[in-house]
Amino acid sequence: MKENVRRTKERNNVITKKNTKVMVTSSVLMALGLVLHIIMPSAGIKPDFLLACMFIAITISENKRQVLGITIASGILTAMTTNFPAGQLPSMIDKFLSGFLFLALFNFIKAHNKENIIYVGIISAISTFVSGICFLTSVYILGRIVGIADVLSIFSNGIYAMVTLIVLPTSIANGFFAGLLYKVSRLKRR
């Protein structure tokens, strides 16, 4: 009986240490992403490299609860630093959706033994593209419903211009950045 209690305590200590390591590493990644998000120049909308850091934090997470925490933290951090009119709520929506999309895609490539820098870069680019579309769509809908003049003037040239000029290049950049971060995170674990 005492042996079972001792084993249970040891197992719980190992789990606690792993969870703490994931939380600390995720926090460092979120801080890096936040700094990059803040210093990135803005032309009304700016690339969101916090997404790439969020994706790498998801690759080291142990469960969906940790992923939920990571996506909520990323959404709040981005909402606090966005310069886009009415971009706070859309920032939280797009982080949640793109985070769980990335998790699903990552689990898929992991199940097929394709977990490498190239595939992580590709699914990061896809998830960033979806994030950008979600963000722009949410902002546009919110701007139309509430009648925010700044939002409506930004979309006067259409959403396609924003997708082409901002979302697509950011997706490609995030794919490369996330791939590099993933490679570094894998080296650190060895």
C-alpha atoms as a PDB file:
ATOM      1  CA  MET A   1       0.000   0.000   0.000  1.00  0.00           C
ATOM      2  CA  LYS A   2       2.784   2.430   0.942  1.00  0.00           C
ATOM      3  CA  GLU A   3       4.607   1.549  -2.271  1.00  0.00           C
ATOM      4  CA  ASN A   4       1.547   2.489  -4.367  1.00  0.00           C
ATOM      5  CA  VAL A   5       1.257   5.818  -2.555  1.00  0.00           C
ATOM      6  CA  ARG A   6       4.953   6.522  -3.153  1.00  0.00           C
ATOM      7  CA  ARG A   7       4.642   5.695  -6.882  1.00  0.00           C
ATOM      8  CA  THR A   8       1.587   7.911  -7.203  1.00  0.00           C
ATOM      9  CA  LYS A   9       3.431  10.814  -5.562  1.00  0.00           C
ATOM     10  CA  GLU A  10       6.434  10.317  -7.858  1.00  0.00           C
ATOM     11  CA  ARG A  11       4.184  10.221 -10.925  1.00  0.00           C
ATOM     12  CA  ASN A  12       2.401  13.384  -9.799  1.00  0.00           C
ATOM     13  CA  ASN A  13       5.758  15.133  -9.258  1.00  0.00           C
ATOM     14  CA  VAL A  14       6.873  14.218 -12.782  1.00  0.00           C
ATOM     15  CA  ILE A  15       3.594  15.495 -14.255  1.00  0.00           C
ATOM     16  CA  THR A  16       3.851  18.720 -12.251  1.00  0.00           C
ATOM     17  CA  LYS A  17       7.433  19.285 -13.452  1.00  0.00           C
ATOM     18  CA  LYS A  18       6.393  18.703 -17.086  1.00  0.00           C
ATOM     19  CA  ASN A  19       3.426  21.066 -16.756  1.00  0.00           C
ATOM     20  CA  THR A  20       5.626  23.714 -15.159  1.00  0.00           C
ATOM     21  CA  LYS A  21       8.190  23.365 -17.946  1.00  0.00           C
ATOM     22  CA  VAL A  22       5.459  23.733 -20.587  1.00  0.00           C
ATOM     23  CA  MET A  23       4.022  26.810 -18.844  1.00  0.00           C
ATOM     24  CA  VAL A  24       7.412  28.492 -18.488  1.00  0.00           C
ATOM     25  CA  THR A  25       8.440  27.755 -22.081  1.00  0.00           C
ATOM     26  CA  SER A  26       5.049  28.919 -23.360  1.00  0.00           C
ATOM     27  CA  SER A  27       5.360  32.122 -21.337  1.00  0.00           C
ATOM     28  CA  VAL A  28       8.795  32.832 -22.789  1.00  0.00           C
ATOM     29  CA  LEU A  29       7.456  32.219 -26.295  1.00  0.00           C
ATOM     30  CA  MET A  30       4.478  34.505 -25.633  1.00  0.00           C
ATOM     31  CA  ALA A  31       6.833  37.223 -24.351  1.00  0.00           C
ATOM     32  CA  LEU A  32       8.991  36.904 -27.472  1.00  0.00           C
ATOM     33  CA  GLY A  33       5.904  37.053 -29.678  1.00  0.00           C
ATOM     34  CA  LEU A  34       4.580  40.059 -27.791  1.00  0.00           C
ATOM     35  CA  VAL A  35       7.846  41.967 -28.202  1.00  0.00           C
ATOM     36  CA  LEU A  36       7.871  41.188 -31.922  1.00  0.00           C
ATOM     37  CA  HIS A  37       4.212  42.214 -32.169  1.00  0.00           C
ATOM     38  CA  ILE A  38       4.884  45.525 -30.431  1.00  0.00           C
ATOM     39  CA  ILE A  39       8.007  46.487 -32.394  1.00  0.00           C
ATOM     40  CA  MET A  40       6.597  45.466 -35.788  1.00  0.00           C
ATOM     41  CA  PRO A  41       5.822  48.596 -37.835  1.00  0.00           C
ATOM     42  CA  SER A  42       2.162  49.183 -38.569  1.00  0.00           C
ATOM     43  CA  ALA A  43       0.370  50.433 -41.635  1.00  0.00           C
ATOM     44  CA  GLY A  44      -3.085  50.161 -40.104  1.00  0.00           C
ATOM     45  CA  ILE A  45      -2.602  46.417 -39.824  1.00  0.00           C
ATOM     46  CA  LYS A  46       0.643  44.652 -39.038  1.00  0.00           C
ATOM     47  CA  PRO A  47       2.022  41.147 -39.238  1.00  0.00           C
ATOM     48  CA  ASP A  48       1.358  39.103 -36.112  1.00  0.00           C
ATOM     49  CA  PHE A  49       4.437  37.102 -35.211  1.00  0.00           C
ATOM     50  CA  LEU A  50       2.844  36.303 -31.852  1.00  0.00           C
ATOM     51  CA  LEU A  51       0.958  33.671 -33.841  1.00  0.00           C
ATOM     52  CA  ALA A  52       4.163  31.823 -34.745  1.00  0.00           C
ATOM     53  CA  CYS A  53       5.199  31.816 -31.097  1.00  0.00           C
ATOM     54  CA  MET A  54       1.736  30.595 -30.115  1.00  0.00           C
ATOM     55  CA  PHE A  55       1.996  27.751 -32.630  1.00  0.00           C
ATOM     56  CA  ILE A  56       5.348  26.605 -31.251  1.00  0.00           C
ATOM     57  CA  ALA A  57       3.974  26.778 -27.707  1.00  0.00           C
ATOM     58  CA  ILE A  58       1.160  24.514 -28.896  1.00  0.00           C
ATOM     59  CA  THR A  59       3.689  21.974 -30.226  1.00  0.00           C
ATOM     60  CA  ILE A  60       5.115  21.537 -26.730  1.00  0.00           C
ATOM     61  CA  SER A  61       1.779  21.488 -24.919  1.00  0.00           C
ATOM     62  CA  GLU A  62       0.575  18.295 -23.322  1.00  0.00           C
ATOM     63  CA  ASN A  63      -3.196  18.665 -23.593  1.00  0.00           C
ATOM     64  CA  LYS A  64      -6.107  20.759 -24.866  1.00  0.00           C
ATOM     65  CA  ARG A  65      -6.383  22.677 -21.582  1.00  0.00           C
ATOM     66  CA  GLN A  66      -2.872  24.010 -22.056  1.00  0.00           C
ATOM     67  CA  VAL A  67      -3.674  24.888 -25.669  1.00  0.00           C
ATOM     68  CA  LEU A  68      -6.789  26.728 -24.478  1.00  0.00           C
ATOM     69  CA  GLY A  69      -4.673  28.720 -22.020  1.00  0.00           C
ATOM     70  CA  ILE A  70      -2.090  29.486 -24.698  1.00  0.00           C
ATOM     71  CA  THR A  71      -4.718  30.693 -27.185  1.00  0.00           C
ATOM     72  CA  ILE A  72      -6.504  32.823 -24.593  1.00  0.00           C
ATOM     73  CA  ALA A  73      -3.225  34.395 -23.439  1.00  0.00           C
ATOM     74  CA  SER A  74      -2.205  35.080 -27.049  1.00  0.00           C
ATOM     75  CA  GLY A  75      -5.584  36.608 -27.828  1.00  0.00           C
ATOM     76  CA  ILE A  76      -5.447  38.892 -24.794  1.00  0.00           C
ATOM     77  CA  LEU A  77      -1.867  39.975 -25.501  1.00  0.00           C
ATOM     78  CA  THR A  78      -2.676  40.740 -29.121  1.00  0.00           C
ATOM     79  CA  ALA A  79      -5.896  42.540 -28.180  1.00  0.00           C
ATOM     80  CA  MET A  80      -3.961  44.752 -25.763  1.00  0.00           C
ATOM     81  CA  THR A  81      -1.443  45.783 -28.414  1.00  0.00           C
ATOM     82  CA  THR A  82      -3.472  45.976 -31.621  1.00  0.00           C
ATOM     83  CA  ASN A  83      -3.611  49.271 -33.492  1.00  0.00           C
ATOM     84  CA  PHE A  84      -6.480  48.160 -35.699  1.00  0.00           C
ATOM     85  CA  PRO A  85      -9.803  49.920 -34.997  1.00  0.00           C
ATOM     86  CA  ALA A  86     -12.176  47.519 -33.189  1.00  0.00           C
ATOM     87  CA  GLY A  87      -9.499  44.807 -33.372  1.00  0.00           C
ATOM     88  CA  GLN A  88      -9.641  43.650 -29.762  1.00  0.00           C
ATOM     89  CA  LEU A  89     -12.428  41.058 -29.920  1.00  0.00           C
ATOM     90  CA  PRO A  90     -11.438  39.827 -33.406  1.00  0.00           C
ATOM     91  CA  SER A  91      -7.873  39.295 -32.102  1.00  0.00           C
ATOM     92  CA  MET A  92      -9.172  36.925 -29.446  1.00  0.00           C
ATOM     93  CA  ILE A  93     -11.470  35.112 -31.872  1.00  0.00           C
ATOM     94  CA  ASP A  94      -8.785  34.542 -34.488  1.00  0.00           C
ATOM     95  CA  LYS A  95      -6.211  33.269 -31.939  1.00  0.00           C
ATOM     96  CA  PHE A  96      -8.668  30.735 -30.564  1.00  0.00           C
ATOM     97  CA  LEU A  97      -9.712  29.424 -33.977  1.00  0.00           C
ATOM     98  CA  SER A  98      -6.247  29.374 -35.522  1.00  0.00           C
ATOM     99  CA  GLY A  99      -4.721  27.825 -32.393  1.00  0.00           C
ATOM    100  CA  PHE A 100      -7.058  24.854 -32.431  1.00  0.00           C
ATOM    101  CA  LEU A 101      -6.755  24.541 -36.214  1.00  0.00           C
ATOM    102  CA  PHE A 102      -2.978  24.396 -35.784  1.00  0.00           C
ATOM    103  CA  LEU A 103      -3.371  21.785 -33.026  1.00  0.00           C
ATOM    104  CA  ALA A 104      -5.534  19.604 -35.287  1.00  0.00           C
ATOM    105  CA  LEU A 105      -3.079  19.917 -38.190  1.00  0.00           C
ATOM    106  CA  PHE A 106      -0.087  19.305 -35.913  1.00  0.00           C
ATOM    107  CA  ASN A 107      -1.678  16.186 -34.440  1.00  0.00           C
ATOM    108  CA  PHE A 108      -2.383  14.999 -37.998  1.00  0.00           C
ATOM    109  CA  ILE A 109       1.231  15.389 -39.151  1.00  0.00           C
ATOM    110  CA  LYS A 110       2.467  13.905 -35.879  1.00  0.00           C
ATOM    111  CA  ALA A 111       0.267  10.836 -36.375  1.00  0.00           C
ATOM    112  CA  HIS A 112       1.765  10.392 -39.862  1.00  0.00           C
ATOM    113  CA  ASN A 113       5.375  10.843 -38.652  1.00  0.00           C
ATOM    114  CA  LYS A 114       5.770  14.072 -40.637  1.00  0.00           C
ATOM    115  CA  GLU A 115       6.668  16.180 -37.620  1.00  0.00           C
ATOM    116  CA  ASN A 116       9.523  18.267 -39.049  1.00  0.00           C
ATOM    117  CA  ILE A 117      10.479  21.853 -39.793  1.00  0.00           C
ATOM    118  CA  ILE A 118       8.908  21.884 -43.271  1.00  0.00           C
ATOM    119  CA  TYR A 119       5.514  20.540 -42.262  1.00  0.00           C
ATOM    120  CA  VAL A 120       5.375  22.737 -39.146  1.00  0.00           C
ATOM    121  CA  GLY A 121       6.182  25.723 -41.367  1.00  0.00           C
ATOM    122  CA  ILE A 122       3.438  24.771 -43.818  1.00  0.00           C
ATOM    123  CA  ILE A 123       0.747  24.267 -41.184  1.00  0.00           C
ATOM    124  CA  SER A 124       1.864  27.510 -39.486  1.00  0.00           C
ATOM    125  CA  ALA A 125       1.406  29.365 -42.775  1.00  0.00           C
ATOM    126  CA  ILE A 126      -2.029  27.782 -43.292  1.00  0.00           C
ATOM    127  CA  SER A 127      -3.095  28.584 -39.727  1.00  0.00           C
ATOM    128  CA  THR A 128      -1.808  32.169 -40.045  1.00  0.00           C
ATOM    129  CA  PHE A 129      -3.766  32.618 -43.271  1.00  0.00           C
ATOM    130  CA  VAL A 130      -6.939  31.367 -41.570  1.00  0.00           C
ATOM    131  CA  SER A 131      -6.199  33.651 -38.612  1.00  0.00           C
ATOM    132  CA  GLY A 132      -5.896  36.669 -40.902  1.00  0.00           C
ATOM    133  CA  ILE A 133      -9.123  35.864 -42.716  1.00  0.00           C
ATOM    134  CA  CYS A 134     -10.942  35.359 -39.382  1.00  0.00           C
ATOM    135  CA  PHE A 135      -9.559  38.634 -38.048  1.00  0.00           C
ATOM    136  CA  LEU A 136     -10.490  40.690 -41.113  1.00  0.00           C
ATOM    137  CA  THR A 137     -13.928  39.102 -41.386  1.00  0.00           C
ATOM    138  CA  SER A 138     -14.649  39.664 -37.688  1.00  0.00           C
ATOM    139  CA  VAL A 139     -13.502  43.285 -37.834  1.00  0.00           C
ATOM    140  CA  TYR A 140     -15.531  43.935 -40.973  1.00  0.00           C
ATOM    141  CA  ILE A 141     -18.695  42.412 -39.492  1.00  0.00           C
ATOM    142  CA  LEU A 142     -18.211  44.281 -36.218  1.00  0.00           C
ATOM    143  CA  GLY A 143     -17.535  47.526 -38.095  1.00  0.00           C
ATOM    144  CA  ARG A 144     -20.675  47.113 -40.205  1.00  0.00           C
ATOM    145  CA  ILE A 145     -22.888  46.237 -37.243  1.00  0.00           C
ATOM    146  CA  VAL A 146     -21.646  49.033 -34.988  1.00  0.00           C
ATOM    147  CA  GLY A 147     -20.989  51.458 -37.846  1.00  0.00           C
ATOM    148  CA  ILE A 148     -17.369  52.272 -37.047  1.00  0.00           C
ATOM    149  CA  ALA A 149     -16.255  54.767 -39.700  1.00  0.00           C
ATOM    150  CA  ASP A 150     -12.541  53.936 -39.365  1.00  0.00           C
ATOM    151  CA  VAL A 151     -13.181  50.262 -40.060  1.00  0.00           C
ATOM    152  CA  LEU A 152     -15.432  50.987 -43.012  1.00  0.00           C
ATOM    153  CA  SER A 153     -12.864  53.334 -44.558  1.00  0.00           C
ATOM    154  CA  ILE A 154     -10.117  50.709 -44.181  1.00  0.00           C
ATOM    155  CA  PHE A 155     -12.249  48.220 -46.086  1.00  0.00           C
ATOM    156  CA  SER A 156     -13.216  50.736 -48.802  1.00  0.00           C
ATOM    157  CA  ASN A 157     -10.728  49.114 -51.234  1.00  0.00           C
ATOM    158  CA  GLY A 158     -12.086  45.685 -50.394  1.00  0.00           C
ATOM    159  CA  ILE A 159     -10.929  42.793 -48.297  1.00  0.00           C
ATOM    160  CA  TYR A 160      -9.007  41.186 -51.163  1.00  0.00           C
ATOM    161  CA  ALA A 161      -6.407  43.944 -51.157  1.00  0.00           C
ATOM    162  CA  MET A 162      -5.779  43.388 -47.441  1.00  0.00           C
ATOM    163  CA  VAL A 163      -5.547  39.639 -47.920  1.00  0.00           C
ATOM    164  CA  THR A 164      -3.070  40.052 -50.774  1.00  0.00           C
ATOM    165  CA  LEU A 165      -0.951  42.784 -49.194  1.00  0.00           C
ATOM    166  CA  ILE A 166      -0.984  41.753 -45.522  1.00  0.00           C
ATOM    167  CA  VAL A 167      -2.379  38.279 -44.816  1.00  0.00           C
ATOM    168  CA  LEU A 168      -0.576  36.348 -47.539  1.00  0.00           C
ATOM    169  CA  PRO A 169       2.913  37.795 -46.890  1.00  0.00           C
ATOM    170  CA  THR A 170       2.420  37.410 -43.138  1.00  0.00           C
ATOM    171  CA  SER A 171       1.414  33.770 -43.644  1.00  0.00           C
ATOM    172  CA  ILE A 172       4.585  33.073 -45.592  1.00  0.00           C
ATOM    173  CA  ALA A 173       6.764  34.936 -43.064  1.00  0.00           C
ATOM    174  CA  ASN A 174       5.114  33.141 -40.134  1.00  0.00           C
ATOM    175  CA  GLY A 175       5.651  29.804 -41.867  1.00  0.00           C
ATOM    176  CA  PHE A 176       9.394  30.452 -42.073  1.00  0.00           C
ATOM    177  CA  PHE A 177       9.600  31.959 -38.586  1.00  0.00           C
ATOM    178  CA  ALA A 178       7.611  29.138 -36.972  1.00  0.00           C
ATOM    179  CA  GLY A 179       9.699  26.542 -38.787  1.00  0.00           C
ATOM    180  CA  LEU A 180      12.883  28.098 -37.431  1.00  0.00           C
ATOM    181  CA  LEU A 181      11.447  28.397 -33.927  1.00  0.00           C
ATOM    182  CA  TYR A 182      10.335  24.773 -34.099  1.00  0.00           C
ATOM    183  CA  LYS A 183      13.824  23.686 -35.116  1.00  0.00           C
ATOM    184  CA  VAL A 184      15.324  25.643 -32.198  1.00  0.00           C
ATOM    185  CA  SER A 185      12.771  24.217 -29.762  1.00  0.00           C
ATOM    186  CA  ARG A 186      13.583  20.670 -30.917  1.00  0.00           C
ATOM    187  CA  LEU A 187      17.325  21.270 -30.468  1.00  0.00           C
ATOM    188  CA  LYS A 188      16.729  22.557 -26.956  1.00  0.00           C
ATOM    189  CA  ARG A 189      14.782  19.410 -25.988  1.00  0.00           C
ATOM    190  CA  ARG A 190      17.629  17.074 -26.945  1.00  0.00           C
END
